[in-house]
Amino acid sequence: MIRRKLLADSSLYEHLCNENTVTDNPVAGVKRPSVDNPGEGKTPALSDDLARAILRVPVGASIKARRDRAILATYLFHSLRRAELSDLRVSYLRERRGVMHLMVSGK
């Protein structure tokens, strides 16, 4: 959070220097805190075993069990967010060169 604020202040002062509003950037020499895990998010990923266990939860051949497995498989294999998953429609399935694709718009 502090790193982002320092970056915002530095960008603001750099812009003000370019516009000749201020003479120098007071944030230019400030050392920013390091990032904990560069390139990695803070959300832990599911292991393959845990994903398989989740997919085994809906038991049976009923329509509800098949639906639940399809929802969970789509959620896990495509790394969708909950909102993206709940907004899916059958019309989002598209065929391209003989291969079915799921068209999802999100982050």
PDB file of N, CA and C in Angstrom:
ATOM      1  N   MET A   1       0.826  -1.184   0.000  1.00  0.00           N
ATOM      2  CA  MET A   1       0.000   0.000   0.000  1.00  0.00           C
ATOM      3  C   MET A   1       0.876   1.255   0.000  1.00  0.00           C
ATOM      4  N   ILE A   2       1.904   1.258   0.853  1.00  0.00           N
ATOM      5  CA  ILE A   2       2.811   2.407   0.918  1.00  0.00           C
ATOM      6  C   ILE A   2       3.552   2.545  -0.404  1.00  0.00           C
ATOM      7  N   ARG A   3       3.947   1.396  -0.967  1.00  0.00           N
ATOM      8  CA  ARG A   3       4.654   1.406  -2.249  1.00  0.00           C
ATOM      9  C   ARG A   3       3.810   2.082  -3.328  1.00  0.00           C
ATOM     10  N   ARG A   4       2.505   1.740  -3.368  1.00  0.00           N
ATOM     11  CA  ARG A   4       1.610   2.337  -4.368  1.00  0.00           C
ATOM     12  C   ARG A   4       1.447   3.829  -4.165  1.00  0.00           C
ATOM     13  N   LYS A   5       1.340   4.246  -2.906  1.00  0.00           N
ATOM     14  CA  LYS A   5       1.170   5.677  -2.621  1.00  0.00           C
ATOM     15  C   LYS A   5       2.413   6.467  -3.017  1.00  0.00           C
ATOM     16  N   LEU A   6       3.595   5.897  -2.732  1.00  0.00           N
ATOM     17  CA  LEU A   6       4.833   6.561  -3.138  1.00  0.00           C
ATOM     18  C   LEU A   6       4.930   6.646  -4.665  1.00  0.00           C
ATOM     19  N   LEU A   7       4.511   5.601  -5.343  1.00  0.00           N
ATOM     20  CA  LEU A   7       4.520   5.616  -6.802  1.00  0.00           C
ATOM     21  C   LEU A   7       3.578   6.693  -7.341  1.00  0.00           C
ATOM     22  N   ALA A   8       2.391   6.803  -6.732  1.00  0.00           N
ATOM     23  CA  ALA A   8       1.432   7.824  -7.168  1.00  0.00           C
ATOM     24  C   ALA A   8       1.981   9.224  -6.927  1.00  0.00           C
ATOM     25  N   ASP A   9       2.577   9.448  -5.750  1.00  0.00           N
ATOM     26  CA  ASP A   9       3.165  10.762  -5.453  1.00  0.00           C
ATOM     27  C   ASP A   9       4.302  11.092  -6.420  1.00  0.00           C
ATOM     28  N   SER A  10       5.143  10.099  -6.687  1.00  0.00           N
ATOM     29  CA  SER A  10       6.258  10.317  -7.599  1.00  0.00           C
ATOM     30  C   SER A  10       5.764  10.650  -9.000  1.00  0.00           C
ATOM     31  N   SER A  11       4.740   9.953  -9.463  1.00  0.00           N
ATOM     32  CA  SER A  11       4.174  10.235 -10.786  1.00  0.00           C
ATOM     33  C   SER A  11       3.574  11.635 -10.841  1.00  0.00           C
ATOM     34  N   LEU A  12       2.889  12.019  -9.769  1.00  0.00           N
ATOM     35  CA  LEU A  12       2.292  13.354  -9.720  1.00  0.00           C
ATOM     36  C   LEU A  12       3.382  14.428  -9.795  1.00  0.00           C
ATOM     37  N   TYR A  13       4.422  14.280  -8.975  1.00  0.00           N
ATOM     38  CA  TYR A  13       5.488  15.282  -8.966  1.00  0.00           C
ATOM     39  C   TYR A  13       6.264  15.292 -10.278  1.00  0.00           C
ATOM     40  N   GLU A  14       6.420  14.119 -10.905  1.00  0.00           N
ATOM     41  CA  GLU A  14       7.087  14.079 -12.207  1.00  0.00           C
ATOM     42  C   GLU A  14       6.275  14.865 -13.235  1.00  0.00           C
ATOM     43  N   HIS A  15       4.961  14.699 -13.195  1.00  0.00           N
ATOM     44  CA  HIS A  15       4.089  15.461 -14.105  1.00  0.00           C
ATOM     45  C   HIS A  15       4.192  16.966 -13.818  1.00  0.00           C
ATOM     46  N   LEU A  16       4.162  17.316 -12.530  1.00  0.00           N
ATOM     47  CA  LEU A  16       4.256  18.735 -12.165  1.00  0.00           C
ATOM     48  C   LEU A  16       5.604  19.332 -12.581  1.00  0.00           C
ATOM     49  N   CYS A  17       6.675  18.550 -12.489  1.00  0.00           N
ATOM     50  CA  CYS A  17       7.991  19.028 -12.946  1.00  0.00           C
ATOM     51  C   CYS A  17       7.983  19.251 -14.456  1.00  0.00           C
ATOM     52  N   ASN A  18       7.360  18.334 -15.192  1.00  0.00           N
ATOM     53  CA  ASN A  18       7.283  18.470 -16.653  1.00  0.00           C
ATOM     54  C   ASN A  18       6.477  19.699 -17.063  1.00  0.00           C
ATOM     55  N   GLU A  19       5.518  20.068 -16.259  1.00  0.00           N
ATOM     56  CA  GLU A  19       4.676  21.237 -16.555  1.00  0.00           C
ATOM     57  C   GLU A  19       5.267  22.525 -15.957  1.00  0.00           C
ATOM     58  N   ASN A  20       6.444  22.429 -15.357  1.00  0.00           N
ATOM     59  CA  ASN A  20       7.121  23.566 -14.716  1.00  0.00           C
ATOM     60  C   ASN A  20       6.293  24.194 -13.593  1.00  0.00           C
ATOM     61  N   THR A  21       5.506  23.366 -12.918  1.00  0.00           N
ATOM     62  CA  THR A  21       4.726  23.847 -11.777  1.00  0.00           C
ATOM     63  C   THR A  21       5.571  23.807 -10.506  1.00  0.00           C
ATOM     64  N   VAL A  22       6.401  22.772 -10.372  1.00  0.00           N
ATOM     65  CA  VAL A  22       7.352  22.673  -9.256  1.00  0.00           C
ATOM     66  C   VAL A  22       8.743  22.479  -9.850  1.00  0.00           C
ATOM     67  N   THR A  23       9.766  22.750  -9.038  1.00  0.00           N
ATOM     68  CA  THR A  23      11.134  22.679  -9.565  1.00  0.00           C
ATOM     69  C   THR A  23      11.746  21.293  -9.442  1.00  0.00           C
ATOM     70  N   ASP A  24      11.379  20.532  -8.393  1.00  0.00           N
ATOM     71  CA  ASP A  24      11.960  19.201  -8.260  1.00  0.00           C
ATOM     72  C   ASP A  24      10.960  18.220  -7.660  1.00  0.00           C
ATOM     73  N   ASN A  25      11.304  16.943  -7.761  1.00  0.00           N
ATOM     74  CA  ASN A  25      10.458  15.860  -7.277  1.00  0.00           C
ATOM     75  C   ASN A  25      10.971  15.403  -5.909  1.00  0.00           C
ATOM     76  N   PRO A  26      10.286  15.741  -4.810  1.00  0.00           N
ATOM     77  CA  PRO A  26      10.777  15.365  -3.487  1.00  0.00           C
ATOM     78  C   PRO A  26      10.689  13.860  -3.205  1.00  0.00           C
ATOM     79  N   VAL A  27       9.951  13.124  -4.007  1.00  0.00           N
ATOM     80  CA  VAL A  27       9.793  11.689  -3.778  1.00  0.00           C
ATOM     81  C   VAL A  27      10.817  10.885  -4.577  1.00  0.00           C
ATOM     82  N   ALA A  28      11.552  11.532  -5.464  1.00  0.00           N
ATOM     83  CA  ALA A  28      12.471  10.830  -6.362  1.00  0.00           C
ATOM     84  C   ALA A  28      13.527  10.029  -5.616  1.00  0.00           C
ATOM     85  N   GLY A  29      14.036  10.513  -4.516  1.00  0.00           N
ATOM     86  CA  GLY A  29      15.101   9.811  -3.808  1.00  0.00           C
ATOM     87  C   GLY A  29      14.622   8.862  -2.730  1.00  0.00           C
ATOM     88  N   VAL A  30      13.324   8.746  -2.532  1.00  0.00           N
ATOM     89  CA  VAL A  30      12.789   7.908  -1.462  1.00  0.00           C
ATOM     90  C   VAL A  30      12.829   6.443  -1.890  1.00  0.00           C
ATOM     91  N   LYS A  31      13.413   5.608  -1.010  1.00  0.00           N
ATOM     92  CA  LYS A  31      13.477   4.180  -1.293  1.00  0.00           C
ATOM     93  C   LYS A  31      12.123   3.556  -0.979  1.00  0.00           C
ATOM     94  N   ARG A  32      11.610   2.803  -1.935  1.00  0.00           N
ATOM     95  CA  ARG A  32      10.299   2.168  -1.771  1.00  0.00           C
ATOM     96  C   ARG A  32      10.471   0.795  -1.139  1.00  0.00           C
ATOM     97  N   PRO A  33       9.494   0.369  -0.326  1.00  0.00           N
ATOM     98  CA  PRO A  33       9.585  -0.977   0.264  1.00  0.00           C
ATOM     99  C   PRO A  33       9.544  -2.050  -0.823  1.00  0.00           C
ATOM    100  N   SER A  34      10.224  -3.156  -0.562  1.00  0.00           N
ATOM    101  CA  SER A  34      10.269  -4.235  -1.554  1.00  0.00           C
ATOM    102  C   SER A  34       8.946  -4.992  -1.574  1.00  0.00           C
ATOM    103  N   VAL A  35       8.722  -5.653  -2.688  1.00  0.00           N
ATOM    104  CA  VAL A  35       7.524  -6.466  -2.855  1.00  0.00           C
ATOM    105  C   VAL A  35       7.820  -7.847  -2.281  1.00  0.00           C
ATOM    106  N   ASP A  36       6.869  -8.422  -1.539  1.00  0.00           N
ATOM    107  CA  ASP A  36       7.090  -9.712  -0.886  1.00  0.00           C
ATOM    108  C   ASP A  36       7.392 -10.831  -1.875  1.00  0.00           C
ATOM    109  N   ASN A  37       6.451 -11.089  -2.794  1.00  0.00           N
ATOM    110  CA  ASN A  37       6.599 -12.166  -3.764  1.00  0.00           C
ATOM    111  C   ASN A  37       6.414 -11.608  -5.168  1.00  0.00           C
ATOM    112  N   PRO A  38       7.463 -11.159  -5.809  1.00  0.00           N
ATOM    113  CA  PRO A  38       7.286 -10.589  -7.147  1.00  0.00           C
ATOM    114  C   PRO A  38       6.765 -11.641  -8.123  1.00  0.00           C
ATOM    115  N   GLY A  39       5.739 -11.268  -8.874  1.00  0.00           N
ATOM    116  CA  GLY A  39       5.186 -12.160  -9.880  1.00  0.00           C
ATOM    117  C   GLY A  39       4.216 -13.190  -9.352  1.00  0.00           C
ATOM    118  N   GLU A  40       3.977 -13.224  -8.034  1.00  0.00           N
ATOM    119  CA  GLU A  40       3.062 -14.203  -7.470  1.00  0.00           C
ATOM    120  C   GLU A  40       1.969 -13.498  -6.687  1.00  0.00           C
ATOM    121  N   GLY A  41       0.763 -14.017  -6.803  1.00  0.00           N
ATOM    122  CA  GLY A  41      -0.349 -13.479  -6.044  1.00  0.00           C
ATOM    123  C   GLY A  41      -0.342 -14.004  -4.625  1.00  0.00           C
ATOM    124  N   LYS A  42      -1.181 -13.475  -3.802  1.00  0.00           N
ATOM    125  CA  LYS A  42      -1.244 -13.902  -2.410  1.00  0.00           C
ATOM    126  C   LYS A  42      -2.246 -15.033  -2.202  1.00  0.00           C
ATOM    127  N   THR A  43      -3.097 -15.288  -3.209  1.00  0.00           N
ATOM    128  CA  THR A  43      -4.088 -16.346  -3.092  1.00  0.00           C
ATOM    129  C   THR A  43      -3.427 -17.688  -3.388  1.00  0.00           C
ATOM    130  N   PRO A  44      -3.504 -18.638  -2.450  1.00  0.00           N
ATOM    131  CA  PRO A  44      -2.873 -19.935  -2.698  1.00  0.00           C
ATOM    132  C   PRO A  44      -3.646 -20.718  -3.763  1.00  0.00           C
ATOM    133  N   ALA A  45      -2.928 -21.464  -4.575  1.00  0.00           N
ATOM    134  CA  ALA A  45      -3.546 -22.266  -5.627  1.00  0.00           C
ATOM    135  C   ALA A  45      -3.976 -23.610  -5.052  1.00  0.00           C
ATOM    136  N   LEU A  46      -4.968 -24.215  -5.694  1.00  0.00           N
ATOM    137  CA  LEU A  46      -5.401 -25.549  -5.298  1.00  0.00           C
ATOM    138  C   LEU A  46      -4.444 -26.583  -5.874  1.00  0.00           C
ATOM    139  N   SER A  47      -4.172 -27.618  -5.106  1.00  0.00           N
ATOM    140  CA  SER A  47      -3.354 -28.718  -5.612  1.00  0.00           C
ATOM    141  C   SER A  47      -4.222 -29.577  -6.535  1.00  0.00           C
ATOM    142  N   ASP A  48      -3.575 -30.397  -7.344  1.00  0.00           N
ATOM    143  CA  ASP A  48      -4.308 -31.295  -8.231  1.00  0.00           C
ATOM    144  C   ASP A  48      -5.183 -32.264  -7.435  1.00  0.00           C
ATOM    145  N   ASP A  49      -4.649 -32.757  -6.317  1.00  0.00           N
ATOM    146  CA  ASP A  49      -5.417 -33.694  -5.490  1.00  0.00           C
ATOM    147  C   ASP A  49      -6.663 -33.039  -4.905  1.00  0.00           C
ATOM    148  N   LEU A  50      -6.532 -31.796  -4.464  1.00  0.00           N
ATOM    149  CA  LEU A  50      -7.681 -31.086  -3.907  1.00  0.00           C
ATOM    150  C   LEU A  50      -8.726 -30.806  -4.987  1.00  0.00           C
ATOM    151  N   ALA A  51      -8.279 -30.442  -6.188  1.00  0.00           N
ATOM    152  CA  ALA A  51      -9.214 -30.199  -7.290  1.00  0.00           C
ATOM    153  C   ALA A  51      -9.971 -31.484  -7.636  1.00  0.00           C
ATOM    154  N   ARG A  52      -9.267 -32.622  -7.677  1.00  0.00           N
ATOM    155  CA  ARG A  52      -9.938 -33.907  -7.948  1.00  0.00           C
ATOM    156  C   ARG A  52     -10.939 -34.237  -6.847  1.00  0.00           C
ATOM    157  N   ALA A  53     -10.565 -33.966  -5.606  1.00  0.00           N
ATOM    158  CA  ALA A  53     -11.480 -34.238  -4.490  1.00  0.00           C
ATOM    159  C   ALA A  53     -12.739 -33.382  -4.588  1.00  0.00           C
ATOM    160  N   ILE A  54     -12.577 -32.139  -4.987  1.00  0.00           N
ATOM    161  CA  ILE A  54     -13.742 -31.247  -5.148  1.00  0.00           C
ATOM    162  C   ILE A  54     -14.648 -31.763  -6.254  1.00  0.00           C
ATOM    163  N   LEU A  55     -14.059 -32.240  -7.348  1.00  0.00           N
ATOM    164  CA  LEU A  55     -14.861 -32.751  -8.462  1.00  0.00           C
ATOM    165  C   LEU A  55     -15.573 -34.063  -8.124  1.00  0.00           C
ATOM    166  N   ARG A  56     -15.098 -34.791  -7.097  1.00  0.00           N
ATOM    167  CA  ARG A  56     -15.756 -36.032  -6.680  1.00  0.00           C
ATOM    168  C   ARG A  56     -16.927 -35.802  -5.731  1.00  0.00           C
ATOM    169  N   VAL A  57     -17.107 -34.582  -5.250  1.00  0.00           N
ATOM    170  CA  VAL A  57     -18.159 -34.305  -4.266  1.00  0.00           C
ATOM    171  C   VAL A  57     -19.562 -34.551  -4.818  1.00  0.00           C
ATOM    172  N   PRO A  58     -19.931 -34.038  -5.996  1.00  0.00           N
ATOM    173  CA  PRO A  58     -21.265 -34.358  -6.518  1.00  0.00           C
ATOM    174  C   PRO A  58     -21.321 -35.820  -6.959  1.00  0.00           C
ATOM    175  N   VAL A  59     -22.039 -36.643  -6.214  1.00  0.00           N
ATOM    176  CA  VAL A  59     -22.076 -38.084  -6.458  1.00  0.00           C
ATOM    177  C   VAL A  59     -23.341 -38.445  -7.223  1.00  0.00           C
ATOM    178  N   GLY A  60     -23.211 -39.391  -8.129  1.00  0.00           N
ATOM    179  CA  GLY A  60     -24.375 -39.926  -8.821  1.00  0.00           C
ATOM    180  C   GLY A  60     -24.452 -39.492 -10.267  1.00  0.00           C
ATOM    181  N   ALA A  61     -25.529 -39.975 -10.918  1.00  0.00           N
ATOM    182  CA  ALA A  61     -25.727 -39.689 -12.338  1.00  0.00           C
ATOM    183  C   ALA A  61     -26.952 -38.813 -12.557  1.00  0.00           C
ATOM    184  N   SER A  62     -27.453 -38.235 -11.482  1.00  0.00           N
ATOM    185  CA  SER A  62     -28.631 -37.377 -11.632  1.00  0.00           C
ATOM    186  C   SER A  62     -28.268 -36.107 -12.391  1.00  0.00           C
ATOM    187  N   ILE A  63     -29.271 -35.426 -12.873  1.00  0.00           N
ATOM    188  CA  ILE A  63     -29.031 -34.188 -13.621  1.00  0.00           C
ATOM    189  C   ILE A  63     -28.360 -33.148 -12.733  1.00  0.00           C
ATOM    190  N   LYS A  64     -28.776 -33.070 -11.465  1.00  0.00           N
ATOM    191  CA  LYS A  64     -28.163 -32.091 -10.554  1.00  0.00           C
ATOM    192  C   LYS A  64     -26.686 -32.394 -10.313  1.00  0.00           C
ATOM    193  N   ALA A  65     -26.357 -33.673 -10.147  1.00  0.00           N
ATOM    194  CA  ALA A  65     -24.952 -34.049  -9.921  1.00  0.00           C
ATOM    195  C   ALA A  65     -24.116 -33.734 -11.155  1.00  0.00           C
ATOM    196  N   ARG A  66     -24.642 -34.035 -12.345  1.00  0.00           N
ATOM    197  CA  ARG A  66     -23.923 -33.721 -13.586  1.00  0.00           C
ATOM    198  C   ARG A  66     -23.749 -32.218 -13.740  1.00  0.00           C
ATOM    199  N   ARG A  67     -24.813 -31.459 -13.433  1.00  0.00           N
ATOM    200  CA  ARG A  67     -24.732 -29.994 -13.515  1.00  0.00           C
ATOM    201  C   ARG A  67     -23.665 -29.469 -12.566  1.00  0.00           C
ATOM    202  N   ASP A  68     -23.683 -29.969 -11.328  1.00  0.00           N
ATOM    203  CA  ASP A  68     -22.717 -29.496 -10.336  1.00  0.00           C
ATOM    204  C   ASP A  68     -21.280 -29.828 -10.737  1.00  0.00           C
ATOM    205  N   ARG A  69     -21.067 -31.031 -11.286  1.00  0.00           N
ATOM    206  CA  ARG A  69     -19.721 -31.391 -11.752  1.00  0.00           C
ATOM    207  C   ARG A  69     -19.287 -30.490 -12.901  1.00  0.00           C
ATOM    208  N   ALA A  70     -20.204 -30.186 -13.813  1.00  0.00           N
ATOM    209  CA  ALA A  70     -19.876 -29.308 -14.940  1.00  0.00           C
ATOM    210  C   ALA A  70     -19.522 -27.908 -14.447  1.00  0.00           C
ATOM    211  N   ILE A  71     -20.277 -27.407 -13.491  1.00  0.00           N
ATOM    212  CA  ILE A  71     -20.004 -26.076 -12.932  1.00  0.00           C
ATOM    213  C   ILE A  71     -18.638 -26.068 -12.249  1.00  0.00           C
ATOM    214  N   LEU A  72     -18.383 -27.070 -11.421  1.00  0.00           N
ATOM    215  CA  LEU A  72     -17.103 -27.129 -10.708  1.00  0.00           C
ATOM    216  C   LEU A  72     -15.931 -27.305 -11.681  1.00  0.00           C
ATOM    217  N   ALA A  73     -16.096 -28.148 -12.693  1.00  0.00           N
ATOM    218  CA  ALA A  73     -15.022 -28.357 -13.664  1.00  0.00           C
ATOM    219  C   ALA A  73     -14.722 -27.067 -14.427  1.00  0.00           C
ATOM    220  N   THR A  74     -15.763 -26.366 -14.837  1.00  0.00           N
ATOM    221  CA  THR A  74     -15.563 -25.095 -15.543  1.00  0.00           C
ATOM    222  C   THR A  74     -14.857 -24.100 -14.641  1.00  0.00           C
ATOM    223  N   TYR A  75     -15.286 -24.033 -13.404  1.00  0.00           N
ATOM    224  CA  TYR A  75     -14.699 -23.121 -12.417  1.00  0.00           C
ATOM    225  C   TYR A  75     -13.220 -23.423 -12.206  1.00  0.00           C
ATOM    226  N   LEU A  76     -12.890 -24.702 -12.035  1.00  0.00           N
ATOM    227  CA  LEU A  76     -11.514 -25.090 -11.727  1.00  0.00           C
ATOM    228  C   LEU A  76     -10.594 -25.046 -12.941  1.00  0.00           C
ATOM    229  N   PHE A  77     -11.046 -25.575 -14.069  1.00  0.00           N
ATOM    230  CA  PHE A  77     -10.165 -25.697 -15.233  1.00  0.00           C
ATOM    231  C   PHE A  77      -9.937 -24.369 -15.948  1.00  0.00           C
ATOM    232  N   HIS A  78     -10.872 -23.441 -15.819  1.00  0.00           N
ATOM    233  CA  HIS A  78     -10.725 -22.167 -16.516  1.00  0.00           C
ATOM    234  C   HIS A  78     -10.332 -21.021 -15.588  1.00  0.00           C
ATOM    235  N   SER A  79     -10.175 -21.317 -14.300  1.00  0.00           N
ATOM    236  CA  SER A  79      -9.761 -20.317 -13.302  1.00  0.00           C
ATOM    237  C   SER A  79     -10.650 -19.080 -13.343  1.00  0.00           C
ATOM    238  N   LEU A  80     -11.942 -19.311 -13.369  1.00  0.00           N
ATOM    239  CA  LEU A  80     -12.888 -18.204 -13.420  1.00  0.00           C
ATOM    240  C   LEU A  80     -13.151 -17.649 -12.034  1.00  0.00           C
ATOM    241  N   ARG A  81     -13.572 -16.421 -11.989  1.00  0.00           N
ATOM    242  CA  ARG A  81     -14.058 -15.831 -10.741  1.00  0.00           C
ATOM    243  C   ARG A  81     -15.523 -16.231 -10.575  1.00  0.00           C
ATOM    244  N   ARG A  82     -16.025 -16.139  -9.342  1.00  0.00           N
ATOM    245  CA  ARG A  82     -17.418 -16.521  -9.086  1.00  0.00           C
ATOM    246  C   ARG A  82     -18.380 -15.748  -9.969  1.00  0.00           C
ATOM    247  N   ALA A  83     -18.182 -14.445 -10.086  1.00  0.00           N
ATOM    248  CA  ALA A  83     -19.094 -13.620 -10.885  1.00  0.00           C
ATOM    249  C   ALA A  83     -19.043 -14.023 -12.356  1.00  0.00           C
ATOM    250  N   GLU A  84     -17.851 -14.332 -12.857  1.00  0.00           N
ATOM    251  CA  GLU A  84     -17.729 -14.750 -14.249  1.00  0.00           C
ATOM    252  C   GLU A  84     -18.448 -16.075 -14.478  1.00  0.00           C
ATOM    253  N   LEU A  85     -18.325 -16.976 -13.517  1.00  0.00           N
ATOM    254  CA  LEU A  85     -18.983 -18.275 -13.622  1.00  0.00           C
ATOM    255  C   LEU A  85     -20.498 -18.134 -13.580  1.00  0.00           C
ATOM    256  N   SER A  86     -20.992 -17.312 -12.679  1.00  0.00           N
ATOM    257  CA  SER A  86     -22.443 -17.178 -12.546  1.00  0.00           C
ATOM    258  C   SER A  86     -23.066 -16.426 -13.723  1.00  0.00           C
ATOM    259  N   ASP A  87     -22.261 -15.656 -14.460  1.00  0.00           N
ATOM    260  CA  ASP A  87     -22.771 -14.929 -15.622  1.00  0.00           C
ATOM    261  C   ASP A  87     -22.716 -15.739 -16.911  1.00  0.00           C
ATOM    262  N   LEU A  88     -22.150 -16.948 -16.874  1.00  0.00           N
ATOM    263  CA  LEU A  88     -22.016 -17.748 -18.089  1.00  0.00           C
ATOM    264  C   LEU A  88     -23.369 -18.135 -18.668  1.00  0.00           C
ATOM    265  N   ARG A  89     -23.432 -18.193 -19.987  1.00  0.00           N
ATOM    266  CA  ARG A  89     -24.624 -18.614 -20.722  1.00  0.00           C
ATOM    267  C   ARG A  89     -24.190 -19.624 -21.776  1.00  0.00           C
ATOM    268  N   VAL A  90     -25.109 -20.475 -22.193  1.00  0.00           N
ATOM    269  CA  VAL A  90     -24.807 -21.467 -23.218  1.00  0.00           C
ATOM    270  C   VAL A  90     -24.349 -20.779 -24.501  1.00  0.00           C
ATOM    271  N   SER A  91     -24.865 -19.590 -24.764  1.00  0.00           N
ATOM    272  CA  SER A  91     -24.500 -18.866 -25.983  1.00  0.00           C
ATOM    273  C   SER A  91     -23.033 -18.429 -25.988  1.00  0.00           C
ATOM    274  N   TYR A  92     -22.347 -18.520 -24.843  1.00  0.00           N
ATOM    275  CA  TYR A  92     -20.929 -18.150 -24.779  1.00  0.00           C
ATOM    276  C   TYR A  92     -20.021 -19.243 -25.346  1.00  0.00           C
ATOM    277  N   LEU A  93     -20.589 -20.432 -25.612  1.00  0.00           N
ATOM    278  CA  LEU A  93     -19.830 -21.498 -26.253  1.00  0.00           C
ATOM    279  C   LEU A  93     -19.780 -21.217 -27.744  1.00  0.00           C
ATOM    280  N   ARG A  94     -18.586 -21.180 -28.284  1.00  0.00           N
ATOM    281  CA  ARG A  94     -18.409 -20.892 -29.709  1.00  0.00           C
ATOM    282  C   ARG A  94     -17.493 -21.939 -30.313  1.00  0.00           C
ATOM    283  N   GLU A  95     -17.750 -22.268 -31.544  1.00  0.00           N
ATOM    284  CA  GLU A  95     -16.884 -23.206 -32.245  1.00  0.00           C
ATOM    285  C   GLU A  95     -15.950 -22.429 -33.151  1.00  0.00           C
ATOM    286  N   ARG A  96     -14.677 -22.749 -33.045  1.00  0.00           N
ATOM    287  CA  ARG A  96     -13.672 -22.109 -33.888  1.00  0.00           C
ATOM    288  C   ARG A  96     -12.763 -23.203 -34.441  1.00  0.00           C
ATOM    289  N   ARG A  97     -12.810 -23.388 -35.762  1.00  0.00           N
ATOM    290  CA  ARG A  97     -12.017 -24.412 -36.441  1.00  0.00           C
ATOM    291  C   ARG A  97     -12.264 -25.801 -35.876  1.00  0.00           C
ATOM    292  N   GLY A  98     -13.514 -26.086 -35.557  1.00  0.00           N
ATOM    293  CA  GLY A  98     -13.882 -27.404 -35.065  1.00  0.00           C
ATOM    294  C   GLY A  98     -13.646 -27.632 -33.588  1.00  0.00           C
ATOM    295  N   VAL A  99     -13.171 -26.624 -32.867  1.00  0.00           N
ATOM    296  CA  VAL A  99     -12.897 -26.757 -31.432  1.00  0.00           C
ATOM    297  C   VAL A  99     -13.819 -25.800 -30.675  1.00  0.00           C
ATOM    298  N   MET A 100     -14.473 -26.328 -29.639  1.00  0.00           N
ATOM    299  CA  MET A 100     -15.361 -25.496 -28.845  1.00  0.00           C
ATOM    300  C   MET A 100     -14.559 -24.588 -27.908  1.00  0.00           C
ATOM    301  N   HIS A 101     -14.930 -23.325 -27.841  1.00  0.00           N
ATOM    302  CA  HIS A 101     -14.273 -22.347 -26.978  1.00  0.00           C
ATOM    303  C   HIS A 101     -15.331 -21.694 -26.097  1.00  0.00           C
ATOM    304  N   LEU A 102     -14.942 -21.369 -24.902  1.00  0.00           N
ATOM    305  CA  LEU A 102     -15.810 -20.662 -23.973  1.00  0.00           C
ATOM    306  C   LEU A 102     -15.376 -19.206 -23.970  1.00  0.00           C
ATOM    307  N   MET A 103     -16.245 -18.331 -24.409  1.00  0.00           N
ATOM    308  CA  MET A 103     -15.920 -16.908 -24.482  1.00  0.00           C
ATOM    309  C   MET A 103     -16.329 -16.234 -23.170  1.00  0.00           C
ATOM    310  N   VAL A 104     -15.339 -15.842 -22.388  1.00  0.00           N
ATOM    311  CA  VAL A 104     -15.579 -15.240 -21.086  1.00  0.00           C
ATOM    312  C   VAL A 104     -14.959 -13.849 -21.087  1.00  0.00           C
ATOM    313  N   SER A 105     -15.732 -12.873 -20.655  1.00  0.00           N
ATOM    314  CA  SER A 105     -15.151 -11.534 -20.501  1.00  0.00           C
ATOM    315  C   SER A 105     -15.081 -11.227 -19.014  1.00  0.00           C
ATOM    316  N   GLY A 106     -13.924 -10.791 -18.584  1.00  0.00           N
ATOM    317  CA  GLY A 106     -13.717 -10.480 -17.181  1.00  0.00           C
ATOM    318  C   GLY A 106     -12.388  -9.791 -17.029  1.00  0.00           C
ATOM    319  N   LYS A 107     -11.844  -9.864 -15.834  1.00  0.00           N
ATOM    320  CA  LYS A 107     -10.561  -9.209 -15.575  1.00  0.00           C
ATOM    321  C   LYS A 107      -9.450  -9.857 -16.353  1.00  0.00           C
TER     322      LYS A 107
END
